[in-house]
N, C-alpha and C. Protein backbone atom coordinates (compact mmCIF):
# COMPACT_ATOMS: atom_id res chain seq x y z
N MET A 1 -47.08 -40.85 -57.78
CA MET A 1 -46.81 -41.63 -56.88
C MET A 1 -45.67 -43.34 -57.24
N ALA A 2 -45.43 -43.17 -56.89
CA ALA A 2 -43.83 -44.49 -56.96
C ALA A 2 -44.62 -45.91 -56.60
N ARG A 3 -44.26 -46.44 -57.72
CA ARG A 3 -44.64 -48.07 -57.77
C ARG A 3 -43.77 -48.80 -56.95
N LYS A 4 -44.64 -49.40 -55.63
CA LYS A 4 -44.20 -50.16 -54.78
C LYS A 4 -43.44 -51.55 -55.77
N PRO A 5 -42.11 -51.99 -55.49
CA PRO A 5 -41.42 -52.78 -56.22
C PRO A 5 -42.10 -53.94 -55.36
N HIS A 6 -42.18 -54.89 -56.51
CA HIS A 6 -43.13 -56.74 -56.46
C HIS A 6 -42.37 -57.37 -54.85
N GLU A 7 -42.78 -58.03 -54.06
CA GLU A 7 -41.71 -58.60 -53.18
C GLU A 7 -41.51 -60.20 -53.86
N PHE A 8 -40.84 -60.33 -53.48
CA PHE A 8 -40.11 -62.07 -53.77
C PHE A 8 -40.02 -62.75 -52.20
N LYS A 9 -40.46 -63.98 -52.79
CA LYS A 9 -39.95 -64.92 -51.98
C LYS A 9 -39.46 -66.43 -51.96
N ILE A 10 -38.67 -66.03 -51.37
CA ILE A 10 -37.58 -67.45 -51.84
C ILE A 10 -37.98 -68.66 -50.86
N THR A 11 -37.97 -69.40 -51.36
CA THR A 11 -38.47 -71.06 -50.59
C THR A 11 -36.97 -71.94 -51.06
N GLU A 12 -36.89 -72.67 -50.10
CA GLU A 12 -35.59 -73.87 -50.36
C GLU A 12 -36.36 -74.98 -50.32
N VAL A 13 -35.67 -75.55 -51.61
CA VAL A 13 -36.71 -76.80 -52.46
C VAL A 13 -35.58 -78.05 -52.12
N PRO A 14 -35.69 -78.94 -51.43
CA PRO A 14 -34.92 -79.99 -51.69
C PRO A 14 -34.65 -80.43 -52.89
N GLY A 15 -33.26 -80.70 -53.36
CA GLY A 15 -32.99 -81.25 -54.66
C GLY A 15 -32.65 -83.13 -54.38
N ASP A 16 -32.29 -83.34 -55.38
CA ASP A 16 -32.31 -85.04 -55.80
C ASP A 16 -31.08 -85.40 -54.78
N LYS A 17 -29.88 -84.49 -55.08
CA LYS A 17 -28.85 -85.20 -53.96
C LYS A 17 -28.27 -84.57 -52.69
N TYR A 18 -28.93 -83.15 -52.61
CA TYR A 18 -29.13 -82.60 -50.76
C TYR A 18 -30.57 -82.34 -50.91
N LYS A 19 -30.74 -82.41 -49.65
CA LYS A 19 -31.62 -82.34 -48.91
C LYS A 19 -32.09 -80.71 -48.59
N SER A 20 -30.69 -79.70 -48.61
CA SER A 20 -30.79 -78.35 -48.23
C SER A 20 -29.80 -77.86 -49.01
N LEU A 21 -29.95 -76.30 -49.00
CA LEU A 21 -28.73 -75.63 -49.35
C LEU A 21 -27.46 -75.80 -48.11
N LYS A 22 -27.76 -75.93 -46.80
CA LYS A 22 -26.36 -76.16 -45.69
C LYS A 22 -25.74 -76.96 -46.12
N GLU A 23 -26.70 -78.40 -46.12
CA GLU A 23 -26.21 -79.87 -46.67
C GLU A 23 -24.99 -79.42 -47.81
N ALA A 24 -25.71 -79.02 -49.03
CA ALA A 24 -25.12 -78.47 -50.20
C ALA A 24 -23.48 -77.78 -49.83
N TRP A 25 -23.48 -77.29 -49.03
CA TRP A 25 -22.58 -75.82 -49.15
C TRP A 25 -21.41 -77.11 -48.14
N LYS A 26 -21.73 -77.98 -47.32
CA LYS A 26 -20.71 -78.52 -46.26
C LYS A 26 -20.39 -79.34 -47.65
N ALA A 27 -21.00 -80.09 -48.94
CA ALA A 27 -20.52 -81.00 -49.10
C ALA A 27 -19.24 -80.49 -50.31
N VAL A 28 -19.59 -79.32 -50.77
CA VAL A 28 -18.77 -78.45 -51.83
C VAL A 28 -17.81 -77.75 -50.92
N LEU A 29 -17.45 -77.17 -49.65
CA LEU A 29 -16.20 -76.53 -48.97
C LEU A 29 -15.50 -77.08 -49.56
N PRO A 30 -14.67 -78.57 -48.86
CA PRO A 30 -13.42 -79.05 -48.94
C PRO A 30 -13.02 -78.84 -50.64
N ALA A 31 -13.77 -78.51 -51.55
CA ALA A 31 -12.91 -78.64 -52.57
C ALA A 31 -13.18 -77.07 -53.20
N LEU A 32 -14.13 -75.93 -52.72
CA LEU A 32 -13.60 -74.62 -52.80
C LEU A 32 -12.30 -74.26 -51.50
N ALA A 33 -12.50 -74.57 -51.13
CA ALA A 33 -11.06 -74.57 -50.27
C ALA A 33 -9.53 -74.74 -50.52
N GLN A 34 -9.68 -76.35 -51.82
CA GLN A 34 -8.83 -76.76 -52.29
C GLN A 34 -8.41 -75.98 -53.47
N ILE A 35 -9.23 -75.17 -54.43
CA ILE A 35 -9.25 -74.35 -55.38
C ILE A 35 -8.68 -72.84 -54.79
N LEU A 36 -9.01 -72.45 -53.54
CA LEU A 36 -8.69 -71.14 -53.40
C LEU A 36 -7.20 -71.36 -53.29
N ALA A 37 -6.65 -72.79 -52.34
CA ALA A 37 -4.98 -72.55 -51.72
C ALA A 37 -4.89 -72.98 -53.14
N ASP A 38 -5.15 -73.93 -54.20
CA ASP A 38 -4.07 -73.54 -55.56
C ASP A 38 -3.85 -72.26 -55.92
N GLU A 39 -4.74 -71.40 -56.11
CA GLU A 39 -4.88 -69.92 -56.74
C GLU A 39 -4.01 -69.31 -55.64
N VAL A 40 -4.24 -69.08 -55.05
CA VAL A 40 -2.85 -68.12 -53.83
C VAL A 40 -1.57 -69.25 -54.18
N ARG A 41 -0.86 -70.09 -54.34
CA ARG A 41 -0.18 -70.51 -54.25
C ARG A 41 0.74 -70.15 -55.57
N LEU A 42 -0.99 -70.51 -57.01
CA LEU A 42 0.20 -70.11 -58.00
C LEU A 42 0.13 -68.72 -58.19
N MET A 43 -0.81 -67.91 -57.57
CA MET A 43 -0.05 -66.30 -57.56
C MET A 43 0.64 -65.94 -56.49
N LEU A 44 1.38 -66.73 -55.89
CA LEU A 44 2.61 -66.65 -54.86
C LEU A 44 3.90 -67.09 -56.28
N ARG A 45 3.82 -68.20 -56.61
CA ARG A 45 4.85 -68.28 -57.49
C ARG A 45 4.81 -67.71 -58.98
N GLU A 46 4.04 -66.65 -59.41
CA GLU A 46 4.01 -65.89 -60.44
C GLU A 46 4.33 -64.50 -59.66
N GLY A 47 4.54 -64.26 -58.76
CA GLY A 47 4.70 -63.00 -58.07
C GLY A 47 3.59 -61.94 -57.97
N SER A 48 2.40 -62.50 -58.38
CA SER A 48 1.19 -61.36 -58.54
C SER A 48 0.91 -60.85 -56.62
N ILE A 49 1.61 -62.07 -55.78
CA ILE A 49 1.13 -61.69 -54.48
C ILE A 49 2.29 -62.13 -53.58
N VAL A 50 2.94 -61.21 -52.72
CA VAL A 50 4.20 -61.86 -51.98
C VAL A 50 3.89 -62.48 -50.63
N ASN A 51 4.41 -63.20 -50.14
CA ASN A 51 4.27 -63.55 -48.23
C ASN A 51 5.94 -62.94 -47.71
N VAL A 52 4.94 -61.86 -46.83
CA VAL A 52 6.34 -60.93 -45.68
C VAL A 52 5.60 -61.24 -44.53
N HIS A 53 6.88 -61.89 -43.66
CA HIS A 53 6.60 -62.71 -42.42
C HIS A 53 4.98 -62.89 -42.53
N GLY A 54 4.74 -63.74 -43.01
CA GLY A 54 2.97 -64.42 -42.77
C GLY A 54 1.76 -63.48 -43.44
N GLU A 55 2.21 -62.55 -44.01
CA GLU A 55 1.39 -61.63 -44.45
C GLU A 55 1.41 -61.68 -45.65
N ILE A 56 -0.19 -61.78 -46.68
CA ILE A 56 0.38 -62.01 -48.11
C ILE A 56 -0.42 -60.77 -48.64
N VAL A 57 0.56 -59.94 -49.46
CA VAL A 57 0.38 -58.83 -49.92
C VAL A 57 0.92 -58.62 -51.16
N SER A 58 0.16 -57.34 -51.91
CA SER A 58 0.70 -56.96 -53.49
C SER A 58 1.96 -56.79 -53.35
N PRO A 59 3.34 -57.21 -54.41
CA PRO A 59 4.51 -56.74 -54.69
C PRO A 59 4.91 -55.42 -54.23
N GLU A 60 3.83 -54.24 -54.28
CA GLU A 60 4.08 -53.06 -54.03
C GLU A 60 3.89 -52.70 -52.80
N MET A 61 3.27 -53.35 -52.12
CA MET A 61 3.16 -53.01 -50.53
C MET A 61 4.50 -53.26 -49.89
N VAL A 62 5.11 -54.04 -50.36
CA VAL A 62 6.45 -55.05 -49.39
C VAL A 62 7.14 -53.73 -48.61
N PRO A 63 7.85 -52.35 -49.19
CA PRO A 63 8.44 -51.73 -48.01
C PRO A 63 7.54 -51.64 -46.58
N GLU A 64 6.22 -51.38 -47.36
CA GLU A 64 5.50 -50.80 -46.05
C GLU A 64 5.08 -52.18 -45.45
N ALA A 65 4.60 -53.44 -46.07
CA ALA A 65 4.91 -54.94 -45.03
C ALA A 65 5.76 -55.12 -44.02
N GLU A 66 7.45 -54.49 -44.87
CA GLU A 66 8.27 -54.72 -43.96
C GLU A 66 8.59 -53.74 -42.99
N LYS A 67 8.25 -52.52 -43.00
CA LYS A 67 8.04 -51.65 -42.15
C LYS A 67 7.07 -52.03 -40.56
N ARG A 68 5.76 -52.83 -40.89
CA ARG A 68 4.49 -52.92 -40.23
C ARG A 68 5.47 -54.72 -39.40
N ALA A 69 6.46 -55.40 -39.87
CA ALA A 69 6.59 -56.57 -39.44
C ALA A 69 8.02 -56.02 -38.12
N ALA A 70 8.72 -55.10 -38.75
CA ALA A 70 9.84 -54.36 -37.85
C ALA A 70 9.32 -54.02 -36.41
N GLU A 71 8.10 -53.16 -36.77
CA GLU A 71 7.34 -52.49 -35.94
C GLU A 71 6.74 -53.75 -34.81
N LEU A 72 6.27 -54.64 -35.30
CA LEU A 72 5.28 -55.76 -34.67
C LEU A 72 6.85 -56.38 -34.13
N MET A 73 7.50 -56.60 -34.36
CA MET A 73 8.71 -57.31 -33.58
C MET A 73 9.37 -56.63 -32.54
N ALA A 74 9.71 -55.05 -32.45
CA ALA A 74 10.19 -54.50 -31.74
C ALA A 74 9.37 -54.10 -30.80
N ALA A 75 7.75 -54.31 -30.94
CA ALA A 75 6.53 -53.87 -29.84
C ALA A 75 6.81 -55.25 -28.81
N GLU A 76 6.97 -56.50 -29.55
CA GLU A 76 6.74 -57.47 -28.69
C GLU A 76 8.51 -57.47 -28.03
N VAL A 77 9.04 -57.10 -28.27
CA VAL A 77 10.93 -56.59 -27.18
C VAL A 77 10.30 -56.08 -26.23
N GLY A 78 9.46 -55.08 -26.86
CA GLY A 78 9.07 -53.62 -25.76
C GLY A 78 10.16 -52.53 -26.31
N MET A 79 10.60 -52.46 -27.79
CA MET A 79 11.57 -51.18 -27.52
C MET A 79 10.47 -50.27 -28.61
N PRO A 80 10.78 -48.96 -28.47
CA PRO A 80 9.84 -48.21 -28.80
C PRO A 80 9.80 -47.71 -30.51
């Protein structure tokens, strides 16, 4: 007979700086967003990713992204 795994209970414990996990996330979110934005800008500068008509893609995907953008523009003006 297989052993039943031990069940764990997670309890939120207030800290000295933040009273809850939600409060801690709210405090750190702006800094995390800035770090992510800086990383994306760096990747764009290095050419690791490219912006094709507002879509961030891998450089290898540029022909496909260009085709999708052309199809979307054609659809907007009612062309087949």
